[in-house]
Amino acid sequence: MKKQQQIEAKIKKTKAAINGLGRMRPGSLSHQARARGQEYCQLSFSHDGKGHTEYVRPDHVAQVERELSNYRRFRKLMREWVGQEIELSKLNRRQD
């Protein structure tokens, strides 16, 4: 029973962390070079099975990097949550 409570507490903590993430978006940011030697940032991502690219203005790069970081954190937390749910399910079946 104590193990079940520990797992449920972890799940609650993981849900709270997900809830507090803020804005997010998938993808990766890369710096591209133009023919005249100037650089620009490009966001590449997949959504609904389609690839997309977007130009990112220099004054938006920091915001987009935070959103990408939040998305990576979201994915990590979701994997943890699913793992915790699997462990809880196994534990509950053993107790029955």
Protein backbone atom coordinates (compact mmCIF):
# COMPACT_ATOMS: atom_id res chain seq x y z
CA MET A 1 0.00 0.00 0.00
CA LYS A 2 2.87 2.37 0.81
CA LYS A 3 4.41 1.77 -2.64
CA GLN A 4 1.08 2.66 -4.28
CA GLN A 5 0.92 5.93 -2.33
CA GLN A 6 4.48 6.78 -3.37
CA ILE A 7 3.67 6.21 -7.03
CA GLU A 8 0.46 8.24 -6.77
CA ALA A 9 2.44 11.08 -5.16
CA LYS A 10 4.95 10.96 -8.03
CA ILE A 11 2.10 11.07 -10.56
CA LYS A 12 0.58 14.08 -8.80
CA LYS A 13 3.96 15.86 -8.80
CA THR A 14 4.50 15.07 -12.50
CA LYS A 15 1.03 16.40 -13.41
CA ALA A 16 1.75 19.61 -11.50
CA ALA A 17 5.06 20.04 -13.33
CA ILE A 18 3.31 19.56 -16.69
CA ASN A 19 0.63 22.05 -15.73
CA GLY A 20 3.23 24.70 -14.90
CA LEU A 21 5.24 24.48 -18.11
CA GLY A 22 3.74 27.40 -20.03
CA ARG A 23 3.85 27.86 -23.80
CA MET A 24 5.49 25.15 -25.85
CA ARG A 25 6.05 24.00 -29.39
CA PRO A 26 7.81 21.10 -31.08
CA GLY A 27 10.77 21.41 -33.37
CA SER A 28 14.33 22.57 -33.57
CA LEU A 29 15.92 25.91 -34.26
CA SER A 30 18.83 26.21 -36.64
CA HIS A 31 20.95 29.08 -37.89
CA GLN A 32 21.09 29.31 -41.66
CA ALA A 33 23.50 31.33 -43.79
CA ARG A 34 22.35 33.44 -46.69
CA ALA A 35 24.38 33.87 -49.84
CA ARG A 36 25.63 37.30 -48.73
CA GLY A 37 26.96 35.93 -45.45
CA GLN A 38 24.02 37.03 -43.30
CA GLU A 39 22.49 34.55 -40.87
CA TYR A 40 18.88 33.87 -39.97
CA CYS A 41 17.07 31.40 -37.72
CA GLN A 42 14.76 28.73 -39.01
CA LEU A 43 12.32 26.62 -37.01
CA SER A 44 11.67 23.10 -38.33
CA PHE A 45 8.96 20.84 -36.95
CA SER A 46 6.46 18.13 -37.82
CA HIS A 47 2.75 18.39 -37.05
CA ASP A 48 -0.09 16.17 -38.23
CA GLY A 49 2.37 14.12 -40.23
CA LYS A 50 3.63 17.09 -42.24
CA GLY A 51 6.96 18.87 -42.05
CA HIS A 52 7.03 22.64 -41.60
CA THR A 53 9.66 25.34 -41.53
CA GLU A 54 9.29 28.91 -40.33
CA TYR A 55 11.53 31.94 -40.33
CA VAL A 56 12.12 33.26 -36.80
CA ARG A 57 12.81 36.93 -36.35
CA PRO A 58 15.89 37.73 -34.25
CA ASP A 59 13.79 39.37 -31.52
CA HIS A 60 11.67 36.18 -31.19
CA VAL A 61 14.54 33.67 -30.97
CA ALA A 62 14.70 33.67 -27.14
CA GLN A 63 10.93 33.11 -26.86
CA VAL A 64 10.99 30.26 -29.38
CA GLU A 65 13.94 28.64 -27.57
CA ARG A 66 11.93 28.72 -24.30
CA GLU A 67 8.93 27.15 -26.05
CA LEU A 68 11.13 24.41 -27.54
CA SER A 69 12.70 23.77 -24.12
CA ASN A 70 9.23 23.55 -22.53
CA TYR A 71 8.16 21.05 -25.17
CA ARG A 72 11.21 18.86 -24.55
CA ARG A 73 10.47 19.00 -20.82
CA PHE A 74 6.82 18.14 -21.53
CA ARG A 75 7.83 15.06 -23.51
CA LYS A 76 10.17 13.92 -20.72
CA LEU A 77 7.48 14.40 -18.08
CA MET A 78 4.92 12.53 -20.19
CA ARG A 79 7.29 9.55 -20.49
CA GLU A 80 7.77 9.61 -16.72
CA TRP A 81 4.01 9.81 -16.12
CA VAL A 82 3.29 6.88 -18.42
CA GLY A 83 6.01 4.86 -16.71
CA GLN A 84 4.52 5.64 -13.32
CA GLU A 85 1.03 4.67 -14.52
CA ILE A 86 2.36 1.35 -15.86
CA GLU A 87 4.08 0.64 -12.54
CA LEU A 88 0.88 1.52 -10.63
CA SER A 89 -1.21 -0.70 -12.90
CA LYS A 90 1.13 -3.66 -12.35
CA LEU A 91 1.09 -3.09 -8.62
CA ASN A 92 -2.72 -2.97 -8.55
CA ARG A 93 -3.01 -6.21 -10.55
CA ARG A 94 -0.62 -7.97 -8.14
CA GLN A 95 -2.74 -6.89 -5.17
CA ASP A 96 -5.99 -8.25 -6.69
